[in-house]
């Protein structure tokens, strides 16, 4: 699957939701993702559900608690009136 993923792809938990970050690096067995407001996280490729159309969809059941917490706070500093 990693051959389909490129730096700069947006990262999501569910297709159709707002992106919480972007791929920084692609490694043989993991991707490094910048999560807004939290920094970089290394995510194993077995946590990737799908990758296409410049999007990476992750399987939340395979993510650790620290990353899930960071994802939940990714957009906290944004003005909710701006779409």
Protein backbone atom coordinates (compact mmCIF):
# COMPACT_ATOMS: atom_id res chain seq x y z
CA UNK A 1 0.00 0.00 0.00
CA UNK A 2 2.83 2.43 0.77
CA UNK A 3 3.64 2.78 -2.94
CA UNK A 4 0.30 4.59 -3.40
CA UNK A 5 1.00 7.12 -0.61
CA UNK A 6 2.93 10.32 -1.30
CA UNK A 7 4.18 13.23 0.79
CA UNK A 8 1.55 15.95 1.02
CA UNK A 9 -1.47 13.63 0.93
CA UNK A 10 -4.22 14.71 3.34
CA UNK A 11 -5.00 12.30 6.18
CA UNK A 12 -8.47 11.41 7.50
CA UNK A 13 -10.18 9.00 9.87
CA UNK A 14 -13.25 8.80 7.61
CA UNK A 15 -13.72 9.79 3.99
CA UNK A 16 -15.83 12.92 3.73
CA UNK A 17 -14.65 14.38 7.03
CA UNK A 18 -12.23 17.25 7.46
CA UNK A 19 -8.54 16.36 7.15
CA UNK A 20 -6.61 16.45 10.42
CA UNK A 21 -3.12 16.42 8.93
CA UNK A 22 -0.80 15.56 6.07
CA UNK A 23 1.78 12.94 5.19
CA UNK A 24 5.34 14.23 5.78
CA UNK A 25 7.33 11.07 4.96
CA UNK A 26 6.69 7.61 3.57
CA UNK A 27 8.82 4.81 4.97
CA UNK A 28 8.94 1.10 4.20
CA UNK A 29 6.68 0.15 7.11
CA UNK A 30 5.19 3.45 8.31
CA UNK A 31 4.17 6.97 7.37
CA UNK A 32 4.99 10.13 9.29
CA UNK A 33 1.96 12.38 9.57
CA UNK A 34 1.86 15.97 10.77
CA UNK A 35 -1.27 16.40 12.93
CA UNK A 36 -2.45 20.01 13.18
CA UNK A 37 -1.74 21.55 16.61
CA UNK A 38 0.25 18.46 17.75
CA UNK A 39 3.21 17.74 15.48
CA UNK A 40 4.53 14.60 13.80
CA UNK A 41 3.40 11.03 14.49
CA UNK A 42 4.71 7.79 13.03
CA UNK A 43 1.85 5.55 11.96
CA UNK A 44 2.37 1.91 10.93
CA UNK A 45 1.15 1.02 7.45
CA UNK A 46 -1.18 -1.61 8.91
CA UNK A 47 -3.26 1.31 10.28
CA UNK A 48 -3.91 2.61 6.74
CA UNK A 49 -7.34 1.52 5.44
CA UNK A 50 -7.12 3.18 2.03
CA UNK A 51 -5.00 5.56 -0.02
CA UNK A 52 -6.20 7.16 -3.23
CA UNK A 53 -7.05 10.52 -4.78
CA UNK A 54 -4.33 12.19 -2.65
CA UNK A 55 -6.07 11.03 0.55
CA UNK A 56 -5.05 8.56 3.24
CA UNK A 57 -7.79 7.01 5.38
CA UNK A 58 -6.71 5.52 8.72
CA UNK A 59 -8.27 2.75 10.82
CA UNK A 60 -8.91 4.37 14.22
CA UNK A 61 -8.95 0.94 15.92
CA UNK A 62 -5.24 0.56 15.07
CA UNK A 63 -4.14 3.98 16.40
CA UNK A 64 -2.76 4.62 19.87
CA UNK A 65 -4.52 6.82 22.42
CA UNK A 66 -2.00 9.67 22.16
CA UNK A 67 -2.58 9.99 18.40
CA UNK A 68 -6.37 9.76 18.76
CA UNK A 69 -6.23 12.54 21.34
CA UNK A 70 -4.15 14.70 19.00
CA UNK A 71 -6.62 14.07 16.16
CA UNK A 72 -9.54 15.11 18.38
CA UNK A 73 -7.79 18.45 19.05
CA UNK A 74 -6.57 19.10 15.50
CA UNK A 75 -9.09 21.85 14.76
CA UNK A 76 -9.66 23.33 18.21
CA UNK A 77 -7.98 26.64 17.41
CA UNK A 78 -10.07 27.33 14.32
CA UNK A 79 -12.88 29.84 14.12
CA UNK A 80 -16.08 27.74 13.79
CA UNK A 81 -17.72 30.45 11.69
CA UNK A 82 -15.21 29.91 8.88
CA UNK A 83 -16.03 26.87 6.73
